[in-house]
């Protein structure tokens, strides 16, 4: 059974940094498509970054240049390094995965992914 467990969320002031982790079980993070999403109450879950089997990455415009997605195959963990955080980055952040090599053009769509973590809260204060 595939499980994804996020950690690293918390509260930070605007301009600060956080790194989220997503540890996978029964799933090889280095072999498949993985992504990070976020959701605020009353809104749809939005894709913010993805990473393919070959390390190719995609980012939403709003986080490009501030967030970085990476994988540590030895630890079987996906990361999201977030910097220059803004109050509107406040959300629950989710890790997602799918047993496809490439995330493709729909990398930002929730329907692209088969497996989800439970989410971790990130709160950015001004």
Protein backbone atom coordinates (compact mmCIF):
# COMPACT_ATOMS: atom_id res chain seq x y z
CA UNK A 1 0.00 0.00 0.00
CA UNK A 2 1.45 3.32 -1.11
CA UNK A 3 1.64 5.94 1.62
CA UNK A 4 2.91 9.50 1.49
CA UNK A 5 3.65 11.38 4.71
CA UNK A 6 4.33 15.11 4.65
CA UNK A 7 6.20 17.01 7.33
CA UNK A 8 7.91 20.34 7.81
CA UNK A 9 4.93 22.66 7.85
CA UNK A 10 4.62 25.42 10.40
CA UNK A 11 4.36 29.14 10.94
CA UNK A 12 6.82 31.63 9.50
CA UNK A 13 6.98 35.35 8.89
CA UNK A 14 6.77 36.80 5.43
CA UNK A 15 10.11 36.63 3.67
CA UNK A 16 11.09 33.49 5.54
CA UNK A 17 11.75 29.95 4.37
CA UNK A 18 10.46 26.45 5.02
CA UNK A 19 11.25 23.05 3.59
CA UNK A 20 8.52 20.44 3.31
CA UNK A 21 9.29 16.73 3.13
CA UNK A 22 7.22 13.86 1.77
CA UNK A 23 8.40 10.39 2.70
CA UNK A 24 7.04 7.60 0.54
CA UNK A 25 6.43 3.94 1.32
CA UNK A 26 5.80 1.20 -1.23
CA UNK A 27 6.64 3.75 -3.92
CA UNK A 28 9.96 4.78 -5.44
CA UNK A 29 10.08 8.58 -5.64
CA UNK A 30 12.93 8.51 -8.12
CA UNK A 31 11.07 6.41 -10.67
CA UNK A 32 7.81 8.24 -11.09
CA UNK A 33 5.93 11.53 -11.35
CA UNK A 34 5.46 13.41 -8.08
CA UNK A 35 4.00 16.78 -7.25
CA UNK A 36 3.15 19.33 -4.60
CA UNK A 37 -0.26 20.93 -4.28
CA UNK A 38 -1.78 23.42 -1.89
CA UNK A 39 -5.28 24.29 -0.82
CA UNK A 40 -6.93 27.06 1.14
CA UNK A 41 -10.42 26.65 2.61
CA UNK A 42 -13.13 27.18 0.04
CA UNK A 43 -10.77 26.86 -2.92
CA UNK A 44 -9.71 24.05 -5.18
CA UNK A 45 -6.44 22.28 -4.65
CA UNK A 46 -3.84 23.84 -6.94
CA UNK A 47 -0.71 22.27 -8.37
CA UNK A 48 2.43 24.22 -7.62
CA UNK A 49 5.31 21.95 -8.63
CA UNK A 50 6.07 18.57 -10.14
CA UNK A 51 9.08 16.37 -10.80
CA UNK A 52 9.40 13.64 -13.42
CA UNK A 53 11.45 10.45 -13.42
CA UNK A 54 14.31 12.23 -15.18
CA UNK A 55 14.27 15.20 -12.82
CA UNK A 56 12.40 17.52 -15.15
CA UNK A 57 10.40 19.99 -13.10
CA UNK A 58 7.40 22.24 -13.54
CA UNK A 59 6.27 25.19 -11.43
CA UNK A 60 3.21 27.36 -11.15
CA UNK A 61 3.94 30.95 -12.11
CA UNK A 62 3.18 32.17 -8.60
CA UNK A 63 5.98 30.12 -7.03
CA UNK A 64 8.54 30.09 -9.83
CA UNK A 65 11.88 31.38 -8.59
CA UNK A 66 10.84 31.03 -4.94
CA UNK A 67 10.07 27.31 -4.55
CA UNK A 68 12.19 24.33 -5.55
CA UNK A 69 11.09 20.70 -5.82
CA UNK A 70 13.65 17.92 -5.42
CA UNK A 71 13.99 14.23 -4.69
CA UNK A 72 16.40 12.28 -2.49
CA UNK A 73 16.25 8.78 -3.89
CA UNK A 74 18.34 7.30 -1.08
CA UNK A 75 15.85 8.59 1.50
CA UNK A 76 12.90 7.97 -0.82
CA UNK A 77 11.72 11.48 -0.02
CA UNK A 78 10.35 14.39 -2.02
CA UNK A 79 11.10 17.94 -0.88
CA UNK A 80 9.70 21.40 -1.46
CA UNK A 81 12.05 24.19 -0.52
CA UNK A 82 10.09 27.39 -0.11
CA UNK A 83 11.69 30.81 0.21
CA UNK A 84 10.59 34.45 0.15
CA UNK A 85 7.30 33.25 1.57
CA UNK A 86 4.27 35.50 1.30
CA UNK A 87 1.05 35.59 3.35
CA UNK A 88 -0.87 34.25 0.34
CA UNK A 89 1.30 31.12 0.43
CA UNK A 90 -0.67 30.16 3.54
CA UNK A 91 -2.38 26.85 2.81
CA UNK A 92 -2.40 23.15 3.48
CA UNK A 93 0.31 21.59 1.33
CA UNK A 94 -0.10 18.11 -0.12
CA UNK A 95 2.31 15.68 -1.67
CA UNK A 96 1.02 13.64 -4.62
CA UNK A 97 2.33 10.76 -6.71
CA UNK A 98 1.48 8.63 -9.69
CA UNK A 99 3.03 5.49 -11.19
CA UNK A 100 3.78 7.20 -14.47
CA UNK A 101 7.28 8.17 -15.55
CA UNK A 102 6.25 11.59 -16.78
CA UNK A 103 3.84 14.06 -15.25
CA UNK A 104 3.08 15.58 -18.65
CA UNK A 105 1.19 18.70 -19.55
CA UNK A 106 -1.43 18.03 -16.89
CA UNK A 107 1.08 18.03 -14.05
CA UNK A 108 -0.94 20.69 -12.18
CA UNK A 109 -4.20 18.73 -12.25
CA UNK A 110 -5.33 16.73 -9.22
CA UNK A 111 -6.67 14.06 -11.58
CA UNK A 112 -3.14 13.34 -12.74
CA UNK A 113 -2.20 11.73 -9.42
CA UNK A 114 -3.31 8.50 -7.78
CA UNK A 115 -1.78 8.86 -4.34
CA UNK A 116 -1.97 11.67 -1.80
CA UNK A 117 -0.53 12.54 1.56
CA UNK A 118 -2.56 13.88 4.45
CA UNK A 119 -1.29 17.45 4.11
CA UNK A 120 0.74 19.81 6.26
CA UNK A 121 -0.25 23.34 7.23
CA UNK A 122 1.91 26.30 6.26
CA UNK A 123 1.04 29.68 7.74
CA UNK A 124 2.83 32.85 6.67
CA UNK A 125 2.22 35.97 8.71
CA UNK A 126 2.84 39.52 7.57
